[in-house]
Amino acid sequence: MTPLASILATATRTATGFTTSVPTDWMQGRTAYGGLSAALALRAALEVEPDLPPLRSAQVAFIGPLAGDITVTATKLRRGRNAAFLQSDVTSDAGLGMRATFVFMAPLASALDHDTAPRATQAPPAPDAELYTGPEDFFTGNFNFHDRRDGLGPAEWLRWARLRDHTGLHPFVELMAIGDALPPAAFKLLEERRTPLSSLNWQINFQTAEPATTDGWWLLHAHADTAHHGYSTQRMAIWNAAGEPIAEAMQGVAIFG
């Protein structure tokens, strides 16, 4: 398998980002895994604009397929005293494949201290727990997984995940790479039919400026309330190994059948 850090280390830097290639073990069908594309887009933004405050939000549009040689370009849209907006595009020979807008914001003094975000009640896998990974010719081969199945709805996932090699990664780059690792929640309704699905977009808001976990484990959740007329919308969340809320997200999914 190809560690994400190796893809970044061998990339050719440009004035606005870098060029690199998508290894076959990071593909999902005819396109790169969306979390990889988003992680590369964030890395380019972090390199183009110096001394950015913590990442607070990302809006990602999965526009078209990405494969082979790609170019990642980051552009500063605006930077004020507290917040910075950057846009990153990922292109290949097929054209624009992904566009992301990142919002970085420094913590501010505030009279508010409100937090009712749910905490995770599931413990991370024990050292001797049975883990699984995907095939080596698919992006899931870069991950370890451990499922929690009890009490879940018909279109709901709850899964512990970690990159098999997360050494040297910026914590938010790691989170972008891992936050999209679940199949669409509507897939559970179609497992016997194997109907193709594809993520259209991804909005993720981070609940902490300093994400950290233990042994690389993050608990991922996805739940689809609706799935009809070829489209599903789902709510998503990420917790760390201590059960602390890390991110909330939403995603739109196309269903081809």
C-alpha atoms as a PDB file:
ATOM      1  CA  MET A   1       0.000   0.000   0.000  1.00  0.00           C
ATOM      2  CA  THR A   2       1.057   3.620  -0.567  1.00  0.00           C
ATOM      3  CA  PRO A   3       1.060   5.829   2.555  1.00  0.00           C
ATOM      4  CA  LEU A   4      -0.481   9.265   2.074  1.00  0.00           C
ATOM      5  CA  ALA A   5       2.713  10.812   3.417  1.00  0.00           C
ATOM      6  CA  SER A   6       4.652   9.147   0.585  1.00  0.00           C
ATOM      7  CA  ILE A   7       2.317  10.624  -2.040  1.00  0.00           C
ATOM      8  CA  LEU A   8       2.925  14.075  -0.563  1.00  0.00           C
ATOM      9  CA  ALA A   9       6.672  13.572  -0.174  1.00  0.00           C
ATOM     10  CA  THR A  10       7.151  12.620  -3.834  1.00  0.00           C
ATOM     11  CA  ALA A  11       4.873  15.359  -5.234  1.00  0.00           C
ATOM     12  CA  THR A  12       6.446  18.033  -7.427  1.00  0.00           C
ATOM     13  CA  ARG A  13       5.823  21.442  -5.892  1.00  0.00           C
ATOM     14  CA  THR A  14       4.661  24.405  -7.983  1.00  0.00           C
ATOM     15  CA  ALA A  15       4.024  28.061  -7.171  1.00  0.00           C
ATOM     16  CA  THR A  16       0.359  27.296  -6.492  1.00  0.00           C
ATOM     17  CA  GLY A  17       0.390  23.706  -5.228  1.00  0.00           C
ATOM     18  CA  PHE A  18       1.858  20.491  -6.598  1.00  0.00           C
ATOM     19  CA  THR A  19       1.546  17.708  -9.152  1.00  0.00           C
ATOM     20  CA  THR A  20       1.466  14.020  -8.290  1.00  0.00           C
ATOM     21  CA  SER A  21      -0.096  10.728  -9.357  1.00  0.00           C
ATOM     22  CA  VAL A  22      -2.917   8.750  -7.800  1.00  0.00           C
ATOM     23  CA  PRO A  23      -1.660   5.234  -6.981  1.00  0.00           C
ATOM     24  CA  THR A  24      -3.945   2.390  -8.004  1.00  0.00           C
ATOM     25  CA  ASP A  25      -4.342   1.398  -4.345  1.00  0.00           C
ATOM     26  CA  TRP A  26      -6.083   4.737  -3.662  1.00  0.00           C
ATOM     27  CA  MET A  27      -8.699   4.307  -6.393  1.00  0.00           C
ATOM     28  CA  GLN A  28     -12.393   3.506  -5.956  1.00  0.00           C
ATOM     29  CA  GLY A  29     -13.502   2.346  -9.365  1.00  0.00           C
ATOM     30  CA  ARG A  30     -12.643   4.876 -12.056  1.00  0.00           C
ATOM     31  CA  THR A  31     -11.833   7.744  -9.705  1.00  0.00           C
ATOM     32  CA  ALA A  32      -9.596   8.479  -6.751  1.00  0.00           C
ATOM     33  CA  TYR A  33     -11.038   8.002  -3.284  1.00  0.00           C
ATOM     34  CA  GLY A  34     -12.700  11.280  -2.329  1.00  0.00           C
ATOM     35  CA  GLY A  35     -10.972  11.514   1.038  1.00  0.00           C
ATOM     36  CA  LEU A  36      -7.583  11.318  -0.680  1.00  0.00           C
ATOM     37  CA  SER A  37      -8.488  14.112  -3.105  1.00  0.00           C
ATOM     38  CA  ALA A  38      -9.755  16.267  -0.230  1.00  0.00           C
ATOM     39  CA  ALA A  39      -6.620  15.609   1.831  1.00  0.00           C
ATOM     40  CA  LEU A  40      -4.366  16.582  -1.077  1.00  0.00           C
ATOM     41  CA  ALA A  41      -6.436  19.722  -1.662  1.00  0.00           C
ATOM     42  CA  LEU A  42      -6.054  20.725   1.990  1.00  0.00           C
ATOM     43  CA  ARG A  43      -2.313  20.053   1.969  1.00  0.00           C
ATOM     44  CA  ALA A  44      -1.930  22.390  -1.026  1.00  0.00           C
ATOM     45  CA  ALA A  45      -3.890  25.123   0.768  1.00  0.00           C
ATOM     46  CA  LEU A  46      -1.714  24.784   3.869  1.00  0.00           C
ATOM     47  CA  GLU A  47       1.433  25.103   1.771  1.00  0.00           C
ATOM     48  CA  VAL A  48       0.335  28.044  -0.396  1.00  0.00           C
ATOM     49  CA  GLU A  49      -0.798  30.345   2.427  1.00  0.00           C
ATOM     50  CA  PRO A  50       1.609  30.526   5.414  1.00  0.00           C
ATOM     51  CA  ASP A  51       0.713  30.534   9.104  1.00  0.00           C
ATOM     52  CA  LEU A  52      -2.930  29.653   8.720  1.00  0.00           C
ATOM     53  CA  PRO A  53      -5.116  29.354  11.831  1.00  0.00           C
ATOM     54  CA  PRO A  54      -6.892  26.043  12.492  1.00  0.00           C
ATOM     55  CA  LEU A  55      -9.221  24.577   9.879  1.00  0.00           C
ATOM     56  CA  ARG A  56     -12.858  25.084  10.814  1.00  0.00           C
ATOM     57  CA  SER A  57     -14.846  24.030   7.753  1.00  0.00           C
ATOM     58  CA  ALA A  58     -14.532  22.475   4.309  1.00  0.00           C
ATOM     59  CA  GLN A  59     -16.987  22.422   1.413  1.00  0.00           C
ATOM     60  CA  VAL A  60     -16.057  19.771  -1.139  1.00  0.00           C
ATOM     61  CA  ALA A  61     -17.630  19.186  -4.554  1.00  0.00           C
ATOM     62  CA  PHE A  62     -16.849  15.891  -6.282  1.00  0.00           C
ATOM     63  CA  ILE A  63     -17.221  17.080  -9.859  1.00  0.00           C
ATOM     64  CA  GLY A  64     -15.701  14.362 -12.029  1.00  0.00           C
ATOM     65  CA  PRO A  65     -13.306  11.400 -12.108  1.00  0.00           C
ATOM     66  CA  LEU A  66      -9.681  11.769 -11.054  1.00  0.00           C
ATOM     67  CA  ALA A  67      -7.040   9.238 -12.029  1.00  0.00           C
ATOM     68  CA  GLY A  68      -3.392   9.039 -13.015  1.00  0.00           C
ATOM     69  CA  ASP A  69      -1.436  12.290 -13.020  1.00  0.00           C
ATOM     70  CA  ILE A  70      -3.178  15.115 -11.176  1.00  0.00           C
ATOM     71  CA  THR A  71      -2.544  18.777 -10.478  1.00  0.00           C
ATOM     72  CA  VAL A  72      -3.540  20.334  -7.158  1.00  0.00           C
ATOM     73  CA  THR A  73      -3.865  24.128  -7.169  1.00  0.00           C
ATOM     74  CA  ALA A  74      -4.687  26.344  -4.188  1.00  0.00           C
ATOM     75  CA  THR A  75      -5.828  29.973  -4.287  1.00  0.00           C
ATOM     76  CA  LYS A  76      -6.378  32.462  -1.478  1.00  0.00           C
ATOM     77  CA  LEU A  77      -9.880  33.910  -1.780  1.00  0.00           C
ATOM     78  CA  ARG A  78      -9.718  36.246   1.198  1.00  0.00           C
ATOM     79  CA  ARG A  79      -7.813  36.600   4.452  1.00  0.00           C
ATOM     80  CA  GLY A  80      -8.938  38.891   7.234  1.00  0.00           C
ATOM     81  CA  ARG A  81      -7.739  39.406  10.782  1.00  0.00           C
ATOM     82  CA  ASN A  82      -9.290  36.174  12.073  1.00  0.00           C
ATOM     83  CA  ALA A  83     -10.442  34.060   9.137  1.00  0.00           C
ATOM     84  CA  ALA A  84      -8.990  32.892   5.829  1.00  0.00           C
ATOM     85  CA  PHE A  85     -10.824  31.373   2.860  1.00  0.00           C
ATOM     86  CA  LEU A  86      -8.863  29.259   0.380  1.00  0.00           C
ATOM     87  CA  GLN A  87      -9.984  27.302  -2.672  1.00  0.00           C
ATOM     88  CA  SER A  88      -8.271  24.181  -3.986  1.00  0.00           C
ATOM     89  CA  ASP A  89      -8.879  22.486  -7.337  1.00  0.00           C
ATOM     90  CA  VAL A  90      -7.761  18.981  -8.292  1.00  0.00           C
ATOM     91  CA  THR A  91      -7.567  18.275 -12.030  1.00  0.00           C
ATOM     92  CA  SER A  92      -6.458  15.416 -14.256  1.00  0.00           C
ATOM     93  CA  ASP A  93      -6.519  14.719 -17.987  1.00  0.00           C
ATOM     94  CA  ALA A  94     -10.313  14.391 -17.691  1.00  0.00           C
ATOM     95  CA  GLY A  95     -10.572  17.983 -16.403  1.00  0.00           C
ATOM     96  CA  LEU A  96     -11.674  19.413 -13.067  1.00  0.00           C
ATOM     97  CA  GLY A  97     -12.408  16.547 -10.706  1.00  0.00           C
ATOM     98  CA  MET A  98     -12.777  18.202  -7.314  1.00  0.00           C
ATOM     99  CA  ARG A  99     -13.111  21.703  -5.878  1.00  0.00           C
ATOM    100  CA  ALA A 100     -12.871  22.505  -2.193  1.00  0.00           C
ATOM    101  CA  THR A 101     -13.300  25.689  -0.175  1.00  0.00           C
ATOM    102  CA  PHE A 102     -11.544  25.708   3.187  1.00  0.00           C
ATOM    103  CA  VAL A 103     -12.270  28.093   6.046  1.00  0.00           C
ATOM    104  CA  PHE A 104      -9.560  28.657   8.638  1.00  0.00           C
ATOM    105  CA  MET A 105     -10.274  30.698  11.756  1.00  0.00           C
ATOM    106  CA  ALA A 106      -8.355  31.522  14.906  1.00  0.00           C
ATOM    107  CA  PRO A 107     -10.046  30.950  18.290  1.00  0.00           C
ATOM    108  CA  LEU A 108     -11.654  34.122  19.640  1.00  0.00           C
ATOM    109  CA  ALA A 109     -12.455  35.257  23.151  1.00  0.00           C
ATOM    110  CA  SER A 110     -16.181  34.735  23.747  1.00  0.00           C
ATOM    111  CA  ALA A 111     -18.785  34.932  26.488  1.00  0.00           C
ATOM    112  CA  LEU A 112     -20.339  31.733  25.117  1.00  0.00           C
ATOM    113  CA  ASP A 113     -19.394  28.277  26.374  1.00  0.00           C
ATOM    114  CA  HIS A 114     -22.127  25.996  25.041  1.00  0.00           C
ATOM    115  CA  ASP A 115     -21.540  22.337  24.171  1.00  0.00           C
ATOM    116  CA  THR A 116     -24.322  19.766  23.889  1.00  0.00           C
ATOM    117  CA  ALA A 117     -22.666  17.737  21.106  1.00  0.00           C
ATOM    118  CA  PRO A 118     -23.182  13.998  21.693  1.00  0.00           C
ATOM    119  CA  ARG A 119     -20.233  12.016  23.000  1.00  0.00           C
ATOM    120  CA  ALA A 120     -19.420   8.583  21.612  1.00  0.00           C
ATOM    121  CA  THR A 121     -20.318   5.705  23.880  1.00  0.00           C
ATOM    122  CA  GLN A 122     -18.336   3.091  21.949  1.00  0.00           C
ATOM    123  CA  ALA A 123     -14.821   2.233  23.092  1.00  0.00           C
ATOM    124  CA  PRO A 124     -12.094   1.921  20.453  1.00  0.00           C
ATOM    125  CA  PRO A 125     -10.979  -1.579  19.443  1.00  0.00           C
ATOM    126  CA  ALA A 126      -9.006  -3.500  22.031  1.00  0.00           C
ATOM    127  CA  PRO A 127      -5.402  -4.376  21.124  1.00  0.00           C
ATOM    128  CA  ASP A 128      -6.485  -7.962  20.369  1.00  0.00           C
ATOM    129  CA  ALA A 129      -9.692  -7.016  18.504  1.00  0.00           C
ATOM    130  CA  GLU A 130     -10.297  -8.509  15.091  1.00  0.00           C
ATOM    131  CA  LEU A 131      -9.664  -5.829  12.477  1.00  0.00           C
ATOM    132  CA  TYR A 132     -10.206  -5.905   8.751  1.00  0.00           C
ATOM    133  CA  THR A 133      -8.915  -4.023   5.763  1.00  0.00           C
ATOM    134  CA  GLY A 134      -9.873  -3.799   2.127  1.00  0.00           C
ATOM    135  CA  PRO A 135      -8.263  -5.346  -0.945  1.00  0.00           C
ATOM    136  CA  GLU A 136      -4.901  -4.000  -2.063  1.00  0.00           C
ATOM    137  CA  ASP A 137      -6.312  -2.715  -5.367  1.00  0.00           C
ATOM    138  CA  PHE A 138      -8.941  -0.542  -3.636  1.00  0.00           C
ATOM    139  CA  PHE A 139      -8.553   2.505  -1.388  1.00  0.00           C
ATOM    140  CA  THR A 140      -9.860   0.662   1.691  1.00  0.00           C
ATOM    141  CA  GLY A 141      -6.640  -1.353   1.716  1.00  0.00           C
ATOM    142  CA  ASN A 142      -4.997   1.709   3.265  1.00  0.00           C
ATOM    143  CA  PHE A 143      -7.220   1.482   6.368  1.00  0.00           C
ATOM    144  CA  ASN A 144      -7.925  -0.690   9.381  1.00  0.00           C
ATOM    145  CA  PHE A 145     -11.608  -0.977  10.300  1.00  0.00           C
ATOM    146  CA  HIS A 146     -13.657  -2.302  13.192  1.00  0.00           C
ATOM    147  CA  ASP A 147     -17.460  -2.247  12.907  1.00  0.00           C
ATOM    148  CA  ARG A 148     -20.076  -1.618  15.565  1.00  0.00           C
ATOM    149  CA  ARG A 149     -23.338  -3.194  14.402  1.00  0.00           C
ATOM    150  CA  ASP A 150     -25.718  -3.388  17.373  1.00  0.00           C
ATOM    151  CA  GLY A 151     -28.683  -1.043  17.442  1.00  0.00           C
ATOM    152  CA  LEU A 152     -28.071   0.567  14.053  1.00  0.00           C
ATOM    153  CA  GLY A 153     -30.752   1.615  11.597  1.00  0.00           C
ATOM    154  CA  PRO A 154     -31.198   0.143   8.112  1.00  0.00           C
ATOM    155  CA  ALA A 155     -29.229   3.006   6.509  1.00  0.00           C
ATOM    156  CA  GLU A 156     -26.616   3.687   9.188  1.00  0.00           C
ATOM    157  CA  TRP A 157     -22.916   2.964   9.673  1.00  0.00           C
ATOM    158  CA  LEU A 158     -20.843   3.182  12.875  1.00  0.00           C
ATOM    159  CA  ARG A 159     -17.264   2.140  12.279  1.00  0.00           C
ATOM    160  CA  TRP A 160     -13.854   2.641  13.861  1.00  0.00           C
ATOM    161  CA  ALA A 161     -11.265   3.520  11.228  1.00  0.00           C
ATOM    162  CA  ARG A 162      -7.618   4.447  11.055  1.00  0.00           C
ATOM    163  CA  LEU A 163      -5.024   4.864   8.356  1.00  0.00           C
ATOM    164  CA  ARG A 164      -2.635   1.942   8.416  1.00  0.00           C
ATOM    165  CA  ASP A 165       0.175   4.494   8.134  1.00  0.00           C
ATOM    166  CA  HIS A 166      -0.629   7.961   9.476  1.00  0.00           C
ATOM    167  CA  THR A 167       2.917   8.936  10.419  1.00  0.00           C
ATOM    168  CA  GLY A 168       3.887  12.541   9.763  1.00  0.00           C
ATOM    169  CA  LEU A 169       0.492  13.791   8.598  1.00  0.00           C
ATOM    170  CA  HIS A 170      -0.974  17.147   9.566  1.00  0.00           C
ATOM    171  CA  PRO A 171      -3.919  16.246  11.860  1.00  0.00           C
ATOM    172  CA  PHE A 172      -6.515  17.922   9.632  1.00  0.00           C
ATOM    173  CA  VAL A 173      -5.042  16.307   6.504  1.00  0.00           C
ATOM    174  CA  GLU A 174      -5.392  12.946   8.269  1.00  0.00           C
ATOM    175  CA  LEU A 175      -9.016  13.740   9.156  1.00  0.00           C
ATOM    176  CA  MET A 176      -9.895  14.760   5.592  1.00  0.00           C
ATOM    177  CA  ALA A 177      -8.380  11.500   4.377  1.00  0.00           C
ATOM    178  CA  ILE A 178     -10.306   9.372   6.855  1.00  0.00           C
ATOM    179  CA  GLY A 179     -13.588  11.291   7.202  1.00  0.00           C
ATOM    180  CA  ASP A 180     -15.035   9.992   3.921  1.00  0.00           C
ATOM    181  CA  ALA A 181     -13.975   6.361   4.428  1.00  0.00           C
ATOM    182  CA  LEU A 182     -17.484   4.989   5.081  1.00  0.00           C
ATOM    183  CA  PRO A 183     -19.610   3.784   2.184  1.00  0.00           C
ATOM    184  CA  PRO A 184     -22.701   5.963   1.637  1.00  0.00           C
ATOM    185  CA  ALA A 185     -25.286   5.045   4.275  1.00  0.00           C
ATOM    186  CA  ALA A 186     -27.862   4.297   1.549  1.00  0.00           C
ATOM    187  CA  PHE A 187     -25.558   1.523   0.334  1.00  0.00           C
ATOM    188  CA  LYS A 188     -26.816  -0.653   3.190  1.00  0.00           C
ATOM    189  CA  LEU A 189     -30.265  -0.598   1.566  1.00  0.00           C
ATOM    190  CA  LEU A 190     -28.780  -1.898  -1.688  1.00  0.00           C
ATOM    191  CA  GLU A 191     -26.135  -4.389  -0.586  1.00  0.00           C
ATOM    192  CA  GLU A 192     -27.793  -7.306  -2.353  1.00  0.00           C
ATOM    193  CA  ARG A 193     -28.311  -5.347  -5.586  1.00  0.00           C
ATOM    194  CA  ARG A 194     -24.844  -3.740  -5.679  1.00  0.00           C
ATOM    195  CA  THR A 195     -26.283  -0.579  -7.197  1.00  0.00           C
ATOM    196  CA  PRO A 196     -23.580   2.041  -7.919  1.00  0.00           C
ATOM    197  CA  LEU A 197     -23.523   5.124  -5.685  1.00  0.00           C
ATOM    198  CA  SER A 198     -21.362   8.230  -5.844  1.00  0.00           C
ATOM    199  CA  SER A 199     -20.792  11.100  -3.405  1.00  0.00           C
ATOM    200  CA  LEU A 200     -21.636  14.483  -4.909  1.00  0.00           C
ATOM    201  CA  ASN A 201     -20.506  16.820  -2.158  1.00  0.00           C
ATOM    202  CA  TRP A 202     -19.243  16.935   1.402  1.00  0.00           C
ATOM    203  CA  GLN A 203     -19.671  19.675   3.992  1.00  0.00           C
ATOM    204  CA  ILE A 204     -17.634  19.106   7.147  1.00  0.00           C
ATOM    205  CA  ASN A 205     -17.391  21.407  10.177  1.00  0.00           C
ATOM    206  CA  PHE A 206     -14.772  20.788  12.826  1.00  0.00           C
ATOM    207  CA  GLN A 207     -15.652  21.101  16.514  1.00  0.00           C
ATOM    208  CA  THR A 208     -12.108  21.431  17.799  1.00  0.00           C
ATOM    209  CA  ALA A 209      -9.062  23.410  16.750  1.00  0.00           C
ATOM    210  CA  GLU A 210      -6.672  20.670  17.903  1.00  0.00           C
ATOM    211  CA  PRO A 211      -7.918  17.217  16.864  1.00  0.00           C
ATOM    212  CA  ALA A 212      -6.091  14.307  18.449  1.00  0.00           C
ATOM    213  CA  THR A 213      -6.813  10.663  19.168  1.00  0.00           C
ATOM    214  CA  THR A 214      -5.154   7.489  20.461  1.00  0.00           C
ATOM    215  CA  ASP A 215      -3.463   4.901  18.253  1.00  0.00           C
ATOM    216  CA  GLY A 216      -4.895   6.524  15.114  1.00  0.00           C
ATOM    217  CA  TRP A 217      -8.515   5.501  15.791  1.00  0.00           C
ATOM    218  CA  TRP A 218     -11.495   7.679  14.796  1.00  0.00           C
ATOM    219  CA  LEU A 219     -15.138   6.642  15.129  1.00  0.00           C
ATOM    220  CA  LEU A 220     -17.106   7.413  11.958  1.00  0.00           C
ATOM    221  CA  HIS A 221     -20.896   7.640  11.740  1.00  0.00           C
ATOM    222  CA  ALA A 222     -23.202   8.095   8.764  1.00  0.00           C
ATOM    223  CA  HIS A 223     -27.004   8.024   8.703  1.00  0.00           C
ATOM    224  CA  ALA A 224     -29.288   8.553   5.716  1.00  0.00           C
ATOM    225  CA  ASP A 225     -32.767   9.874   6.489  1.00  0.00           C
ATOM    226  CA  THR A 226     -33.929   9.805   2.871  1.00  0.00           C
ATOM    227  CA  ALA A 227     -32.993   7.871  -0.255  1.00  0.00           C
ATOM    228  CA  HIS A 228     -35.267   8.126  -3.284  1.00  0.00           C
ATOM    229  CA  HIS A 229     -35.424   9.428  -6.859  1.00  0.00           C
ATOM    230  CA  GLY A 230     -31.735   8.628  -7.344  1.00  0.00           C
ATOM    231  CA  TYR A 231     -30.540  10.823  -4.482  1.00  0.00           C
ATOM    232  CA  SER A 232     -29.786  10.490  -0.785  1.00  0.00           C
ATOM    233  CA  THR A 233     -28.702  12.985   1.849  1.00  0.00           C
ATOM    234  CA  GLN A 234     -26.859  11.822   4.938  1.00  0.00           C
ATOM    235  CA  ARG A 235     -25.591  13.206   8.220  1.00  0.00           C
ATOM    236  CA  MET A 236     -22.120  12.255   9.407  1.00  0.00           C
ATOM    237  CA  ALA A 237     -19.950  12.613  12.513  1.00  0.00           C
ATOM    238  CA  ILE A 238     -16.441  11.871  13.763  1.00  0.00           C
ATOM    239  CA  TRP A 239     -15.325  11.195  17.356  1.00  0.00           C
ATOM    240  CA  ASN A 240     -11.859  10.481  18.722  1.00  0.00           C
ATOM    241  CA  ALA A 241     -10.868   7.494  20.833  1.00  0.00           C
ATOM    242  CA  ALA A 242     -11.911   9.321  24.033  1.00  0.00           C
ATOM    243  CA  GLY A 243     -15.418   9.824  22.637  1.00  0.00           C
ATOM    244  CA  GLU A 244     -14.952  13.564  22.136  1.00  0.00           C
ATOM    245  CA  PRO A 245     -16.780  15.180  19.194  1.00  0.00           C
ATOM    246  CA  ILE A 246     -14.395  16.116  16.381  1.00  0.00           C
ATOM    247  CA  ALA A 247     -16.568  16.951  13.379  1.00  0.00           C
ATOM    248  CA  GLU A 248     -20.097  17.090  12.019  1.00  0.00           C
ATOM    249  CA  ALA A 249     -20.807  16.688   8.312  1.00  0.00           C
ATOM    250  CA  MET A 250     -23.406  16.244   5.596  1.00  0.00           C
ATOM    251  CA  GLN A 251     -23.173  14.643   2.195  1.00  0.00           C
ATOM    252  CA  GLY A 252     -25.312  14.295  -0.917  1.00  0.00           C
ATOM    253  CA  VAL A 253     -25.135  10.966  -2.755  1.00  0.00           C
ATOM    254  CA  ALA A 254     -26.205   9.978  -6.269  1.00  0.00           C
ATOM    255  CA  ILE A 255     -27.837   6.531  -6.606  1.00  0.00           C
ATOM    256  CA  PHE A 256     -27.652   5.023 -10.092  1.00  0.00           C
ATOM    257  CA  GLY A 257     -30.535   2.595  -9.958  1.00  0.00           C
END
